[in-house]
Amino acid sequence: MTETEALIALNQLPKTGPIKINRLLESFGSATNTLKQPIDQLTRVQGVGPEIAKIIHRWQDYCDPTQEIFLAKERGIQILTRDHEDYPNALHAYQDSPIVLYVWGNLKPQDQQAIAVVGSRKLTHYGRETARKFSYQLASAGLTIISGLARGIDTAAHEGALAAKGRTIAVLGSGLLQTYPPENLPLAEKISEDQGAVISEFPLQTSPDKQTFPQRNRIVAHWAQALLVVECPSRSGSLITANLASDAGKQIYAVPGPIDRPHSAGCHDLIRDGATLVTDGSQILDDFSHLSFNSPSIDAQPSPPETFLDLTKDENTVFSALSSQEQAIDDLVHKTSLPAHQVSVILMKLELRNLILNLPGQRSRRR
């Protein structure tokens, strides 16, 4: 058995987790050596009781790393261990760093310069458009956008980065063959094709549950150099992610909203506790001016339409289908025969070019 296979096996075992596995690796020097240990030696490691020791000792009853590797290769998924050159440098510093990372797509050195964009799953029109705007601006400037592919703000953040033809990383709280939420599979496919990667530390067939999402959130918090919260209530998983990032010494940004709207209460709490209030991506880029990427001039107001008359074929198709009357996105999907996620991204790009208005209820019209 190779060391990579042994690491994959340890990562597949129940009741272990990164912290315990990292302690085992420190105690026994390698994953292959860990799997050979008798139960009495395993129980000497902090946090490893008799039950877990028995699972590790009888690891072949619980997992098949050879089959996992075959399945990943068949689906075009890389499995990175921590000594791989593409494993994110930012994650190495933490005791709970992932043992392996499953990568659908590709990681690039520039992904080290990343900002996380998070928020509520139940978003408003304001939240969706704000997340898209910030992500579009930051991705256009060269920052990689990291989020969790969840419904709501996460989805809008990935869409904004894609619309800018920038980089985006989606970190899942499930295995890559159990994409959640399922309606975001087309978005995941788009990300993996050429503009980033969809990643997970969980074995391929892992279903999401209440434990996997907090684990996912720590990767988002630790990878990014800063974190932006766009919209969330006072009780939100996004605030947990923000706290993890803050504890790791990362800069926290928050977008304000109407003071009488519960959807923005969490952002206001963060601002009161010291997060930086931002209303435009350029304010964040000012703090990242020491990095090597070239930040374009980003205006809070979109440029005049005449600057953007050169539309792509698909953009022109969607624009031609619109009129001065409001239309639902479902109608545009029917008219254009384009996938819903693609129409959504194009609508955002057209609005940023000041050609259309996107309205509440997923409706749009020409200006």
Protein backbone atom coordinates (compact mmCIF):
# COMPACT_ATOMS: atom_id res chain seq x y z
CA MET A 1 0.00 0.00 0.00
CA THR A 2 1.26 3.47 -0.90
CA GLU A 3 1.22 6.39 1.52
CA THR A 4 -1.45 8.10 -0.61
CA GLU A 5 -3.71 5.04 -0.42
CA ALA A 6 -3.19 4.86 3.35
CA LEU A 7 -4.10 8.55 3.77
CA ILE A 8 -7.25 8.05 1.69
CA ALA A 9 -8.13 5.03 3.83
CA LEU A 10 -7.71 6.95 7.09
CA ASN A 11 -9.82 9.78 5.67
CA GLN A 12 -12.60 7.31 4.80
CA LEU A 13 -12.86 5.82 8.28
CA PRO A 14 -15.82 6.78 10.52
CA LYS A 15 -15.36 8.62 13.84
CA THR A 16 -11.86 9.85 13.06
CA GLY A 17 -11.58 13.36 11.57
CA PRO A 18 -8.58 15.54 10.66
CA ILE A 19 -7.42 16.38 14.20
CA LYS A 20 -7.27 12.76 15.35
CA ILE A 21 -5.66 11.64 12.09
CA ASN A 22 -3.05 14.39 12.33
CA ARG A 23 -2.20 13.23 15.87
CA LEU A 24 -1.88 9.66 14.63
CA LEU A 25 0.45 10.75 11.85
CA GLU A 26 2.59 12.67 14.35
CA SER A 27 2.76 9.65 16.65
CA PHE A 28 3.53 6.95 14.07
CA GLY A 29 5.27 8.91 11.34
CA SER A 30 3.09 7.92 8.40
CA ALA A 31 -0.36 6.72 7.40
CA THR A 32 0.92 3.30 6.31
CA ASN A 33 2.55 2.81 9.70
CA THR A 34 -0.59 3.98 11.49
CA LEU A 35 -2.72 1.31 9.81
CA LYS A 36 -0.32 -1.39 11.01
CA GLN A 37 -0.48 -0.47 14.70
CA PRO A 38 -2.02 -2.77 17.32
CA ILE A 39 -5.00 -1.50 19.26
CA ASP A 40 -3.07 -0.86 22.48
CA GLN A 41 -0.63 1.45 20.66
CA LEU A 42 -3.42 3.34 18.91
CA THR A 43 -5.26 4.06 22.17
CA ARG A 44 -2.19 5.87 23.51
CA VAL A 45 -2.84 8.69 21.06
CA GLN A 46 -4.88 11.57 22.49
CA GLY A 47 -8.54 11.33 21.48
CA VAL A 48 -8.28 7.76 20.19
CA GLY A 49 -10.33 5.49 22.43
CA PRO A 50 -10.91 1.73 22.11
CA GLU A 51 -13.76 2.13 19.61
CA ILE A 52 -11.77 4.26 17.18
CA ALA A 53 -8.67 2.12 17.69
CA LYS A 54 -10.64 -0.98 16.64
CA ILE A 55 -11.93 0.81 13.55
CA ILE A 56 -8.40 1.80 12.52
CA HIS A 57 -7.03 -1.66 13.27
CA ARG A 58 -9.76 -3.23 11.11
CA TRP A 59 -9.72 -0.49 8.47
CA GLN A 60 -10.26 -2.92 5.57
CA ASP A 61 -13.77 -3.61 6.90
CA TYR A 62 -14.71 0.04 6.46
CA CYS A 63 -13.11 1.33 3.27
CA ASP A 64 -11.50 0.50 -0.05
CA PRO A 65 -8.97 3.17 -1.05
CA THR A 66 -8.16 1.39 -4.31
CA GLN A 67 -11.80 1.61 -5.41
CA GLU A 68 -11.96 5.27 -4.28
CA ILE A 69 -8.94 6.14 -6.42
CA PHE A 70 -10.40 4.28 -9.41
CA LEU A 71 -13.75 6.06 -9.06
CA ALA A 72 -12.07 9.47 -8.77
CA LYS A 73 -9.96 8.85 -11.86
CA GLU A 74 -13.02 7.67 -13.78
CA ARG A 75 -14.82 10.95 -12.95
CA GLY A 76 -11.84 13.20 -13.68
CA ILE A 77 -11.27 14.07 -10.02
CA GLN A 78 -7.83 14.59 -8.48
CA ILE A 79 -7.05 13.50 -4.94
CA LEU A 80 -4.43 15.76 -3.36
CA THR A 81 -2.49 14.92 -0.21
CA ARG A 82 -0.72 17.64 1.76
CA ASP A 83 2.62 17.06 0.06
CA HIS A 84 1.15 17.73 -3.39
CA GLU A 85 2.28 20.97 -5.00
CA ASP A 86 -1.33 22.04 -5.68
CA TYR A 87 -2.50 21.59 -2.08
CA PRO A 88 -3.40 25.11 -0.83
CA ASN A 89 -0.55 26.59 1.18
CA ALA A 90 -2.97 28.49 3.40
CA LEU A 91 -4.36 25.25 4.88
CA HIS A 92 -1.00 23.87 6.02
CA ALA A 93 -0.87 26.08 9.10
CA TYR A 94 -3.85 24.53 10.87
CA GLN A 95 -4.04 21.50 13.13
CA ASP A 96 -7.32 20.48 11.50
CA SER A 97 -6.06 20.82 7.92
CA PRO A 98 -7.74 18.33 5.53
CA ILE A 99 -5.94 15.00 5.19
CA VAL A 100 -6.81 14.86 1.49
CA LEU A 101 -8.63 17.15 -0.92
CA TYR A 102 -10.77 15.92 -3.79
CA VAL A 103 -10.52 18.40 -6.66
CA TRP A 104 -12.91 18.59 -9.62
CA GLY A 105 -11.39 21.16 -11.94
CA ASN A 106 -8.01 22.75 -11.42
CA LEU A 107 -6.22 24.77 -8.78
CA LYS A 108 -3.72 27.47 -9.72
CA PRO A 109 -1.09 29.39 -7.75
CA GLN A 110 -3.21 32.54 -8.09
CA ASP A 111 -5.91 30.88 -5.98
CA GLN A 112 -3.77 31.66 -2.93
CA GLN A 113 -4.94 35.26 -3.40
CA ALA A 114 -8.53 34.62 -2.46
CA ILE A 115 -11.43 36.17 -0.63
CA ALA A 116 -14.38 34.25 0.76
CA VAL A 117 -17.89 35.54 0.06
CA VAL A 118 -20.60 34.09 2.29
CA GLY A 119 -24.10 34.84 3.47
CA SER A 120 -27.61 33.55 3.97
CA ARG A 121 -29.27 30.77 1.99
CA LYS A 122 -32.52 32.74 2.18
CA LEU A 123 -31.48 35.89 0.41
CA THR A 124 -33.27 38.99 -0.83
CA HIS A 125 -32.97 40.57 -4.26
CA TYR A 126 -30.66 43.14 -2.65
CA GLY A 127 -28.44 40.40 -1.25
CA ARG A 128 -28.24 38.46 -4.50
CA GLU A 129 -27.34 41.45 -6.63
CA THR A 130 -24.87 42.78 -4.05
CA ALA A 131 -23.07 39.43 -3.81
CA ARG A 132 -22.87 39.25 -7.60
CA LYS A 133 -21.59 42.81 -7.86
CA PHE A 134 -18.82 42.40 -5.26
CA SER A 135 -17.74 39.02 -6.62
CA TYR A 136 -17.70 40.37 -10.17
CA GLN A 137 -15.54 43.31 -9.12
CA LEU A 138 -13.11 41.28 -7.00
CA ALA A 139 -12.76 38.47 -9.56
CA SER A 140 -12.22 41.03 -12.33
CA ALA A 141 -9.33 42.41 -10.31
CA GLY A 142 -7.67 39.00 -10.02
CA LEU A 143 -8.87 37.70 -6.67
CA THR A 144 -10.25 34.15 -6.50
CA ILE A 145 -13.74 33.97 -4.98
CA ILE A 146 -14.24 31.13 -2.49
CA SER A 147 -17.68 30.07 -1.31
CA GLY A 148 -19.70 26.98 -0.48
CA LEU A 149 -21.99 26.42 -3.51
CA ALA A 150 -24.99 26.65 -1.17
CA ARG A 151 -28.27 28.23 -2.17
CA GLY A 152 -28.45 31.98 -1.79
CA ILE A 153 -25.40 34.21 -1.38
CA ASP A 154 -22.91 31.41 -2.18
CA THR A 155 -24.56 30.79 -5.53
CA ALA A 156 -24.62 34.51 -6.36
CA ALA A 157 -20.93 34.83 -5.43
CA HIS A 158 -19.89 32.03 -7.78
CA GLU A 159 -22.07 33.46 -10.55
CA GLY A 160 -20.51 36.90 -10.18
CA ALA A 161 -16.99 35.47 -10.47
CA LEU A 162 -17.93 33.44 -13.53
CA ALA A 163 -19.55 36.46 -15.18
CA ALA A 164 -16.26 38.34 -14.72
CA LYS A 165 -14.41 35.40 -16.31
CA GLY A 166 -12.49 35.14 -13.04
CA ARG A 167 -11.53 32.31 -10.75
CA THR A 168 -13.84 30.74 -8.17
CA ILE A 169 -13.53 27.80 -5.77
CA ALA A 170 -16.59 25.96 -4.43
CA VAL A 171 -16.00 24.04 -1.19
CA LEU A 172 -18.65 21.37 -0.65
CA GLY A 173 -20.10 19.99 2.57
CA SER A 174 -20.53 16.63 0.83
CA GLY A 175 -18.62 14.26 -1.40
CA LEU A 176 -18.11 15.37 -4.99
CA LEU A 177 -20.44 12.64 -6.24
CA GLN A 178 -23.19 13.89 -3.92
CA THR A 179 -23.29 17.54 -5.03
CA TYR A 180 -25.50 19.60 -2.75
CA PRO A 181 -27.80 21.30 -3.42
CA PRO A 182 -28.53 19.15 -6.49
CA GLU A 183 -29.88 22.08 -8.52
CA ASN A 184 -26.40 23.63 -8.41
CA LEU A 185 -24.79 20.75 -10.29
CA PRO A 186 -24.79 22.77 -13.57
CA LEU A 187 -23.07 25.61 -11.71
CA ALA A 188 -20.50 23.17 -10.32
CA GLU A 189 -19.87 21.83 -13.82
CA LYS A 190 -19.33 25.35 -15.14
CA ILE A 191 -16.85 26.14 -12.37
CA SER A 192 -14.91 22.93 -12.95
CA GLU A 193 -14.66 23.36 -16.70
CA ASP A 194 -12.16 26.19 -16.88
CA GLN A 195 -12.65 28.85 -14.21
CA GLY A 196 -11.76 27.14 -10.95
CA ALA A 197 -12.52 24.02 -9.00
CA VAL A 198 -15.10 22.27 -6.87
CA ILE A 199 -13.40 20.68 -3.88
CA SER A 200 -14.19 18.56 -0.84
CA GLU A 201 -12.30 16.78 1.91
CA PHE A 202 -15.01 14.12 2.17
CA PRO A 203 -14.95 10.73 0.41
CA LEU A 204 -16.71 10.82 -2.94
CA GLN A 205 -20.03 9.31 -1.88
CA THR A 206 -20.44 11.25 1.39
CA SER A 207 -23.92 12.71 1.86
CA PRO A 208 -24.27 16.14 3.50
CA ASP A 209 -25.38 16.35 7.14
CA LYS A 210 -25.26 18.74 10.09
CA GLN A 211 -21.61 17.84 10.78
CA THR A 212 -20.20 18.20 7.27
CA PHE A 213 -21.18 21.83 6.75
CA PRO A 214 -19.28 23.23 9.77
CA GLN A 215 -16.25 21.22 8.61
CA ARG A 216 -16.62 22.76 5.16
CA ASN A 217 -16.84 26.25 6.65
CA ARG A 218 -13.43 26.00 8.31
CA ILE A 219 -11.79 25.34 4.92
CA VAL A 220 -13.46 28.44 3.48
CA ALA A 221 -12.36 30.53 6.48
CA HIS A 222 -8.78 29.25 6.58
CA TRP A 223 -8.09 29.31 2.83
CA ALA A 224 -9.20 32.88 2.13
CA GLN A 225 -7.07 35.89 2.99
CA ALA A 226 -10.21 37.81 3.97
CA LEU A 227 -13.92 37.15 4.28
CA LEU A 228 -16.91 39.18 3.08
CA VAL A 229 -20.37 38.64 4.54
CA VAL A 230 -23.03 40.07 2.26
CA GLU A 231 -26.35 39.29 3.94
CA CYS A 232 -27.31 37.09 6.89
CA PRO A 233 -29.56 37.07 9.96
CA SER A 234 -28.29 37.16 13.54
CA ARG A 235 -28.22 33.37 13.72
CA SER A 236 -26.41 32.08 10.69
CA GLY A 237 -23.73 29.61 9.70
CA SER A 238 -22.06 32.51 7.92
CA LEU A 239 -21.35 34.13 11.28
CA ILE A 240 -19.63 30.92 12.41
CA THR A 241 -17.47 31.07 9.29
CA ALA A 242 -16.72 34.73 10.00
CA ASN A 243 -15.71 33.91 13.57
CA LEU A 244 -13.40 31.14 12.36
CA ALA A 245 -11.79 33.55 9.91
CA SER A 246 -11.47 36.26 12.58
CA ASP A 247 -9.87 33.81 15.03
CA ALA A 248 -7.37 32.95 12.29
CA GLY A 249 -6.44 36.63 11.98
CA LYS A 250 -8.28 37.26 8.72
CA GLN A 251 -9.86 40.61 7.81
CA ILE A 252 -13.67 40.56 7.99
CA TYR A 253 -15.81 42.75 5.76
CA ALA A 254 -19.59 43.15 5.97
CA VAL A 255 -22.16 44.82 3.73
CA PRO A 256 -24.80 46.90 5.56
CA GLY A 257 -28.47 46.63 4.76
CA PRO A 258 -31.77 48.20 5.83
CA ILE A 259 -31.83 48.47 9.62
CA ASP A 260 -35.36 47.04 9.83
CA ARG A 261 -34.62 43.89 7.82
CA PRO A 262 -33.71 40.67 9.71
CA HIS A 263 -31.76 39.52 6.65
CA SER A 264 -29.08 42.13 7.40
CA ALA A 265 -29.00 41.88 11.20
CA GLY A 266 -25.99 39.52 11.20
CA CYS A 267 -23.94 41.91 9.07
CA HIS A 268 -24.79 44.77 11.40
CA ASP A 269 -23.70 42.66 14.38
CA LEU A 270 -20.35 42.01 12.67
CA ILE A 271 -19.86 45.71 11.92
CA ARG A 272 -20.63 46.62 15.51
CA ASP A 273 -18.06 44.03 16.65
CA GLY A 274 -15.32 45.43 14.44
CA ALA A 275 -15.83 44.16 10.88
CA THR A 276 -15.09 46.69 8.14
CA LEU A 277 -18.20 48.18 6.53
CA VAL A 278 -17.97 48.11 2.73
CA THR A 279 -20.30 49.26 -0.02
CA ASP A 280 -18.15 48.57 -3.08
CA GLY A 281 -15.48 46.12 -4.16
CA SER A 282 -12.93 48.89 -4.68
CA GLN A 283 -12.83 49.43 -0.91
CA ILE A 284 -11.64 45.85 -0.42
CA LEU A 285 -9.19 46.09 -3.30
CA ASP A 286 -7.56 49.08 -1.61
CA ASP A 287 -6.60 46.76 1.26
CA PHE A 288 -5.15 44.23 -1.20
CA SER A 289 -3.08 46.76 -3.14
CA HIS A 290 0.16 45.18 -1.83
CA LEU A 291 -0.50 41.99 -3.82
CA SER A 292 1.01 41.38 -7.23
CA PHE A 293 -2.16 41.34 -9.33
CA ASN A 294 -3.14 44.45 -11.25
CA SER A 295 -6.35 45.95 -9.89
CA PRO A 296 -8.42 47.67 -12.58
CA SER A 297 -10.28 50.84 -11.87
CA ILE A 298 -13.68 49.78 -10.56
CA ASP A 299 -16.50 52.28 -10.41
CA ALA A 300 -19.47 51.94 -8.11
CA GLN A 301 -21.70 52.93 -11.02
CA PRO A 302 -21.77 50.80 -14.21
CA SER A 303 -20.26 52.28 -17.34
CA PRO A 304 -22.49 53.72 -20.07
CA PRO A 305 -24.09 51.18 -22.40
CA GLU A 306 -22.24 52.36 -25.48
CA THR A 307 -18.97 51.09 -23.94
CA PHE A 308 -20.32 47.53 -24.00
CA LEU A 309 -21.99 47.06 -27.39
CA ASP A 310 -19.80 44.05 -28.25
CA LEU A 311 -21.99 41.25 -26.83
CA THR A 312 -21.26 37.55 -27.18
CA LYS A 313 -23.68 35.39 -29.13
CA ASP A 314 -25.44 34.12 -26.00
CA GLU A 315 -25.53 37.58 -24.41
CA ASN A 316 -27.11 38.99 -27.55
CA THR A 317 -29.65 36.14 -27.56
CA VAL A 318 -30.77 36.98 -24.02
CA PHE A 319 -30.70 40.75 -24.61
CA SER A 320 -32.78 40.36 -27.78
CA ALA A 321 -35.35 38.31 -25.85
CA LEU A 322 -35.86 41.17 -23.38
CA SER A 323 -38.07 44.24 -23.82
CA SER A 324 -39.15 47.17 -21.71
CA GLN A 325 -41.73 44.88 -20.09
CA GLU A 326 -40.71 42.75 -17.10
CA GLN A 327 -40.07 39.08 -17.89
CA ALA A 328 -39.46 36.12 -15.60
CA ILE A 329 -36.24 34.15 -15.96
CA ASP A 330 -38.27 31.03 -16.80
CA ASP A 331 -39.71 32.86 -19.82
CA LEU A 332 -36.21 33.82 -20.96
CA VAL A 333 -35.01 30.23 -20.59
CA HIS A 334 -37.91 29.12 -22.78
CA LYS A 335 -37.29 31.84 -25.37
CA THR A 336 -33.53 31.39 -25.62
CA SER A 337 -33.23 27.61 -25.04
CA LEU A 338 -30.24 28.36 -22.80
CA PRO A 339 -29.73 26.71 -19.36
CA ALA A 340 -31.21 28.62 -16.43
CA HIS A 341 -27.85 29.14 -14.69
CA GLN A 342 -26.34 30.55 -17.89
CA VAL A 343 -29.25 32.95 -18.39
CA SER A 344 -28.86 34.07 -14.77
CA VAL A 345 -25.17 34.84 -15.24
CA ILE A 346 -25.81 36.70 -18.51
CA LEU A 347 -28.53 38.80 -16.89
CA MET A 348 -26.11 39.89 -14.22
CA LYS A 349 -23.48 40.80 -16.82
CA LEU A 350 -26.02 42.82 -18.81
CA GLU A 351 -27.08 44.68 -15.67
CA LEU A 352 -23.47 45.47 -14.79
CA ARG A 353 -23.17 46.94 -18.29
CA ASN A 354 -26.18 49.13 -17.53
CA LEU A 355 -28.23 47.54 -20.34
CA ILE A 356 -30.99 45.97 -18.24
CA LEU A 357 -32.59 46.04 -14.80
CA ASN A 358 -32.85 42.88 -12.68
CA LEU A 359 -35.87 43.12 -10.42
CA PRO A 360 -37.24 41.23 -7.40
CA GLY A 361 -38.84 37.87 -8.11
CA GLN A 362 -36.20 36.93 -10.72
CA ARG A 363 -37.67 39.30 -13.29
CA SER A 364 -35.75 41.50 -15.75
CA ARG A 365 -36.38 44.21 -18.34
CA ARG A 366 -34.38 46.48 -20.63
CA ARG A 367 -33.48 49.95 -19.35
